[in-house]
Amino acid sequence: MNDVGDNFGNTVQGSFSYFTLGEPIETESLLGGLHLPSYKDFARYLFYTATNEEFDEEAIEEKTHFIGESKN
């Protein structure tokens, strides 16, 4: 009888990603003006929520309020 661990590496394929998340951005806090995130953190949150795409911090133009462009 084979141990599951013996064959595990030979049968499972894929990848693993590890992300460090910042402080949570909660709607109630935003609407109440409490614990507001930085411009960059909010831009990251907004861009990902709207596009489901990776955020590029280099694209930010605070003067024009541009936070990025979707691939679609």
Protein backbone atom coordinates (compact mmCIF):
# COMPACT_ATOMS: atom_id res chain seq x y z
CA MET A 1 0.00 0.00 0.00
CA ASN A 2 1.42 3.38 -1.03
CA ASP A 3 1.40 6.37 1.26
CA VAL A 4 -0.43 9.36 -0.27
CA GLY A 5 2.68 11.45 0.32
CA ASP A 6 4.73 9.17 -1.95
CA ASN A 7 2.68 10.05 -5.04
CA PHE A 8 1.45 13.51 -4.11
CA GLY A 9 4.23 15.41 -5.90
CA ASN A 10 3.80 13.37 -9.06
CA THR A 11 0.06 13.90 -9.47
CA VAL A 12 -0.67 17.46 -8.38
CA GLN A 13 0.22 20.32 -10.68
CA GLY A 14 -0.35 24.02 -10.40
CA SER A 15 1.04 27.05 -8.68
CA PHE A 16 0.81 28.81 -5.38
CA SER A 17 0.79 32.56 -4.76
CA TYR A 18 1.35 34.32 -1.47
CA PHE A 19 0.19 37.89 -0.97
CA THR A 20 0.61 40.27 1.91
CA LEU A 21 -2.50 42.38 2.29
CA GLY A 22 -2.71 45.82 3.81
CA GLU A 23 -5.27 47.13 6.22
CA PRO A 24 -8.87 46.28 5.27
CA ILE A 25 -10.83 48.94 3.41
CA GLU A 26 -14.35 48.95 4.76
CA THR A 27 -17.22 50.83 3.13
CA GLU A 28 -18.58 52.12 6.44
CA SER A 29 -15.22 53.63 7.33
CA LEU A 30 -14.98 55.32 3.93
CA LEU A 31 -18.46 56.77 4.13
CA GLY A 32 -17.89 57.97 7.68
CA GLY A 33 -14.48 59.46 6.89
CA LEU A 34 -12.80 57.25 9.48
CA HIS A 35 -9.56 55.33 8.97
CA LEU A 36 -9.17 56.47 5.38
CA PRO A 37 -6.58 54.61 3.28
CA SER A 38 -3.77 56.34 1.40
CA TYR A 39 -4.46 57.45 -2.17
CA LYS A 40 -2.33 54.57 -3.51
CA ASP A 41 -4.05 51.95 -1.33
CA PHE A 42 -7.50 53.17 -2.32
CA ALA A 43 -6.51 53.29 -6.01
CA ARG A 44 -5.28 49.68 -5.76
CA TYR A 45 -8.55 48.61 -4.13
CA LEU A 46 -10.72 50.49 -6.63
CA PHE A 47 -8.82 49.32 -9.70
CA TYR A 48 -8.85 45.66 -8.71
CA THR A 49 -12.52 45.79 -7.65
CA ALA A 50 -13.53 47.38 -10.96
CA THR A 51 -11.34 45.33 -13.32
CA ASN A 52 -10.26 42.15 -11.48
CA GLU A 53 -6.79 42.86 -12.90
CA GLU A 54 -3.40 43.46 -11.33
CA PHE A 55 -2.75 47.05 -10.29
CA ASP A 56 0.28 48.96 -11.63
CA GLU A 57 1.37 51.63 -9.14
CA GLU A 58 3.50 53.29 -11.82
CA ALA A 59 0.34 54.22 -13.77
CA ILE A 60 -0.99 56.53 -11.05
CA GLU A 61 -1.30 60.22 -11.94
CA GLU A 62 -2.68 61.88 -8.81
CA LYS A 63 -3.04 65.31 -10.44
CA THR A 64 -5.49 63.95 -13.01
CA HIS A 65 -6.88 61.21 -10.72
CA PHE A 66 -5.85 58.54 -13.23
CA ILE A 67 -5.25 55.16 -11.56
CA GLY A 68 -4.78 52.85 -14.53
CA GLU A 69 -6.31 51.33 -17.60
CA SER A 70 -7.93 47.96 -18.03
CA LYS A 71 -6.69 45.50 -20.63
CA ASN A 72 -10.29 45.25 -21.77
